Amino acid sequence: MNTTTLITTILYTLTAAYLLYMAILNIFVYVANSNLGHEESFKMPLIYLISGIVFSVLSYLGYKIYKSEDVILLLKIIFYLPLIIVALYVIWAILLLLSAGGKWN
């Protein structure tokens, strides 16, 4: 279980680093365009920033789970929730393709 937790923590950390990088980049573009007088929405930088913070918290939670074994079950469920959601989405997509051939009608 420690190996799974470590690999998941590393993936969450890489995801958090990418999302925070994109947030900084989009904030820079937002400020630059605002200074030039262009109308720009703050929606994308905010989405990247919130997602980066969530994955940073998940990375920290994974580090705590990896370091100590006496962590409550709720924290482990929260830690593995994004992986569960991705796995359920992949299963749904496979079932959709197999059952209907990818056709909606």
C-alpha atoms as a PDB file:
ATOM      1  CA  MET A   1       0.000   0.000   0.000  1.00  0.00           C
ATOM      2  CA  ASN A   2       2.912   2.338   0.643  1.00  0.00           C
ATOM      3  CA  THR A   3       4.124   1.985  -2.941  1.00  0.00           C
ATOM      4  CA  THR A   4       0.683   2.875  -4.294  1.00  0.00           C
ATOM      5  CA  THR A   5       0.467   5.849  -1.964  1.00  0.00           C
ATOM      6  CA  LEU A   6       3.941   7.038  -2.960  1.00  0.00           C
ATOM      7  CA  ILE A   7       3.256   6.757  -6.696  1.00  0.00           C
ATOM      8  CA  THR A   8      -0.101   8.509  -6.322  1.00  0.00           C
ATOM      9  CA  THR A   9       1.499  11.267  -4.255  1.00  0.00           C
ATOM     10  CA  ILE A  10       4.159  11.817  -6.898  1.00  0.00           C
ATOM     11  CA  LEU A  11       1.506  11.983  -9.634  1.00  0.00           C
ATOM     12  CA  TYR A  12      -0.548  14.449  -7.576  1.00  0.00           C
ATOM     13  CA  THR A  13       2.561  16.569  -6.972  1.00  0.00           C
ATOM     14  CA  LEU A  14       3.399  16.680 -10.673  1.00  0.00           C
ATOM     15  CA  THR A  15      -0.200  17.568 -11.476  1.00  0.00           C
ATOM     16  CA  ALA A  16      -0.199  20.316  -8.838  1.00  0.00           C
ATOM     17  CA  ALA A  17       3.072  21.733 -10.203  1.00  0.00           C
ATOM     18  CA  TYR A  18       1.675  21.799 -13.751  1.00  0.00           C
ATOM     19  CA  LEU A  19      -1.616  23.386 -12.702  1.00  0.00           C
ATOM     20  CA  LEU A  20       0.099  26.045 -10.586  1.00  0.00           C
ATOM     21  CA  TYR A  21       2.464  26.794 -13.483  1.00  0.00           C
ATOM     22  CA  MET A  22      -0.511  27.226 -15.801  1.00  0.00           C
ATOM     23  CA  ALA A  23      -2.226  29.425 -13.212  1.00  0.00           C
ATOM     24  CA  ILE A  24       0.820  31.701 -12.987  1.00  0.00           C
ATOM     25  CA  LEU A  25       1.081  31.823 -16.761  1.00  0.00           C
ATOM     26  CA  ASN A  26      -2.614  32.670 -17.192  1.00  0.00           C
ATOM     27  CA  ILE A  27      -2.473  35.313 -14.445  1.00  0.00           C
ATOM     28  CA  PHE A  28       0.478  36.887 -16.262  1.00  0.00           C
ATOM     29  CA  VAL A  29      -1.510  36.910 -19.520  1.00  0.00           C
ATOM     30  CA  TYR A  30      -4.528  38.359 -17.705  1.00  0.00           C
ATOM     31  CA  VAL A  31      -2.479  41.189 -16.186  1.00  0.00           C
ATOM     32  CA  ALA A  32      -0.659  41.878 -19.460  1.00  0.00           C
ATOM     33  CA  ASN A  33      -3.898  42.014 -21.445  1.00  0.00           C
ATOM     34  CA  SER A  34      -5.577  44.190 -18.809  1.00  0.00           C
ATOM     35  CA  ASN A  35      -2.697  46.652 -18.992  1.00  0.00           C
ATOM     36  CA  LEU A  36      -3.108  46.774 -22.777  1.00  0.00           C
ATOM     37  CA  GLY A  37      -6.815  47.506 -22.439  1.00  0.00           C
ATOM     38  CA  HIS A  38      -8.159  44.140 -23.598  1.00  0.00           C
ATOM     39  CA  GLU A  39     -11.149  42.581 -21.890  1.00  0.00           C
ATOM     40  CA  GLU A  40     -10.044  39.302 -20.356  1.00  0.00           C
ATOM     41  CA  SER A  41     -11.903  36.884 -18.096  1.00  0.00           C
ATOM     42  CA  PHE A  42     -10.274  35.713 -14.870  1.00  0.00           C
ATOM     43  CA  LYS A  43     -12.094  32.388 -15.138  1.00  0.00           C
ATOM     44  CA  MET A  44      -9.257  30.197 -16.476  1.00  0.00           C
ATOM     45  CA  PRO A  45      -6.550  31.449 -14.090  1.00  0.00           C
ATOM     46  CA  LEU A  46      -8.966  30.899 -11.220  1.00  0.00           C
ATOM     47  CA  ILE A  47      -9.790  27.352 -12.356  1.00  0.00           C
ATOM     48  CA  TYR A  48      -6.095  26.500 -12.655  1.00  0.00           C
ATOM     49  CA  LEU A  49      -5.318  28.095  -9.293  1.00  0.00           C
ATOM     50  CA  ILE A  50      -8.074  26.278  -7.408  1.00  0.00           C
ATOM     51  CA  SER A  51      -7.210  22.967  -9.088  1.00  0.00           C
ATOM     52  CA  GLY A  52      -3.532  23.435  -8.249  1.00  0.00           C
ATOM     53  CA  ILE A  53      -4.342  24.165  -4.627  1.00  0.00           C
ATOM     54  CA  VAL A  54      -6.600  21.094  -4.408  1.00  0.00           C
ATOM     55  CA  PHE A  55      -3.893  18.842  -5.820  1.00  0.00           C
ATOM     56  CA  SER A  56      -1.312  20.440  -3.520  1.00  0.00           C
ATOM     57  CA  VAL A  57      -3.509  19.581  -0.541  1.00  0.00           C
ATOM     58  CA  LEU A  58      -3.935  16.038  -1.878  1.00  0.00           C
ATOM     59  CA  SER A  59      -0.152  15.752  -2.250  1.00  0.00           C
ATOM     60  CA  TYR A  60       0.360  16.870   1.332  1.00  0.00           C
ATOM     61  CA  LEU A  61      -2.312  14.440   2.476  1.00  0.00           C
ATOM     62  CA  GLY A  62      -0.554  11.639   0.576  1.00  0.00           C
ATOM     63  CA  TYR A  63       2.728  12.538   2.249  1.00  0.00           C
ATOM     64  CA  LYS A  64       1.075  12.343   5.656  1.00  0.00           C
ATOM     65  CA  ILE A  65      -0.504   8.983   4.777  1.00  0.00           C
ATOM     66  CA  TYR A  66       2.849   7.684   3.543  1.00  0.00           C
ATOM     67  CA  LYS A  67       4.722   8.765   6.675  1.00  0.00           C
ATOM     68  CA  SER A  68       2.284   7.475   9.292  1.00  0.00           C
ATOM     69  CA  GLU A  69       0.166   4.346   9.112  1.00  0.00           C
ATOM     70  CA  ASP A  70      -2.384   5.396  11.748  1.00  0.00           C
ATOM     71  CA  VAL A  71      -4.403   7.696   9.491  1.00  0.00           C
ATOM     72  CA  ILE A  72      -8.190   7.591   9.622  1.00  0.00           C
ATOM     73  CA  LEU A  73     -10.091   5.966   6.784  1.00  0.00           C
ATOM     74  CA  LEU A  74     -11.794   9.203   5.705  1.00  0.00           C
ATOM     75  CA  LEU A  75      -8.450  10.813   4.795  1.00  0.00           C
ATOM     76  CA  LYS A  76      -7.511   7.786   2.712  1.00  0.00           C
ATOM     77  CA  ILE A  77     -10.863   7.928   0.911  1.00  0.00           C
ATOM     78  CA  ILE A  78     -10.366  11.630   0.168  1.00  0.00           C
ATOM     79  CA  PHE A  79      -6.828  10.919  -1.049  1.00  0.00           C
ATOM     80  CA  TYR A  80      -7.897   8.185  -3.467  1.00  0.00           C
ATOM     81  CA  LEU A  81     -11.131   9.892  -4.596  1.00  0.00           C
ATOM     82  CA  PRO A  82      -9.652  11.458  -7.799  1.00  0.00           C
ATOM     83  CA  LEU A  83      -8.284   8.068  -8.868  1.00  0.00           C
ATOM     84  CA  ILE A  84     -11.648   6.443  -8.184  1.00  0.00           C
ATOM     85  CA  ILE A  85     -13.405   9.094 -10.273  1.00  0.00           C
ATOM     86  CA  VAL A  86     -10.985   8.604 -13.183  1.00  0.00           C
ATOM     87  CA  ALA A  87     -11.365   4.817 -12.990  1.00  0.00           C
ATOM     88  CA  LEU A  88     -15.166   5.075 -12.991  1.00  0.00           C
ATOM     89  CA  TYR A  89     -15.035   7.431 -15.987  1.00  0.00           C
ATOM     90  CA  VAL A  90     -12.818   5.029 -17.925  1.00  0.00           C
ATOM     91  CA  ILE A  91     -15.157   2.133 -17.142  1.00  0.00           C
ATOM     92  CA  TRP A  92     -18.142   4.220 -18.238  1.00  0.00           C
ATOM     93  CA  ALA A  93     -16.421   5.187 -21.499  1.00  0.00           C
ATOM     94  CA  ILE A  94     -15.528   1.578 -22.257  1.00  0.00           C
ATOM     95  CA  LEU A  95     -19.087   0.438 -21.571  1.00  0.00           C
ATOM     96  CA  LEU A  96     -20.423   3.230 -23.761  1.00  0.00           C
ATOM     97  CA  LEU A  97     -18.199   2.265 -26.661  1.00  0.00           C
ATOM     98  CA  LEU A  98     -18.905  -1.438 -26.328  1.00  0.00           C
ATOM     99  CA  SER A  99     -22.667  -1.185 -25.872  1.00  0.00           C
ATOM    100  CA  ALA A 100     -23.564   1.425 -28.467  1.00  0.00           C
ATOM    101  CA  GLY A 101     -20.552   1.497 -30.691  1.00  0.00           C
ATOM    102  CA  GLY A 102     -19.968   5.137 -29.772  1.00  0.00           C
ATOM    103  CA  LYS A 103     -23.279   6.212 -31.319  1.00  0.00           C
ATOM    104  CA  TRP A 104     -25.575   8.465 -29.369  1.00  0.00           C
ATOM    105  CA  ASN A 105     -28.748   7.906 -31.437  1.00  0.00           C
END
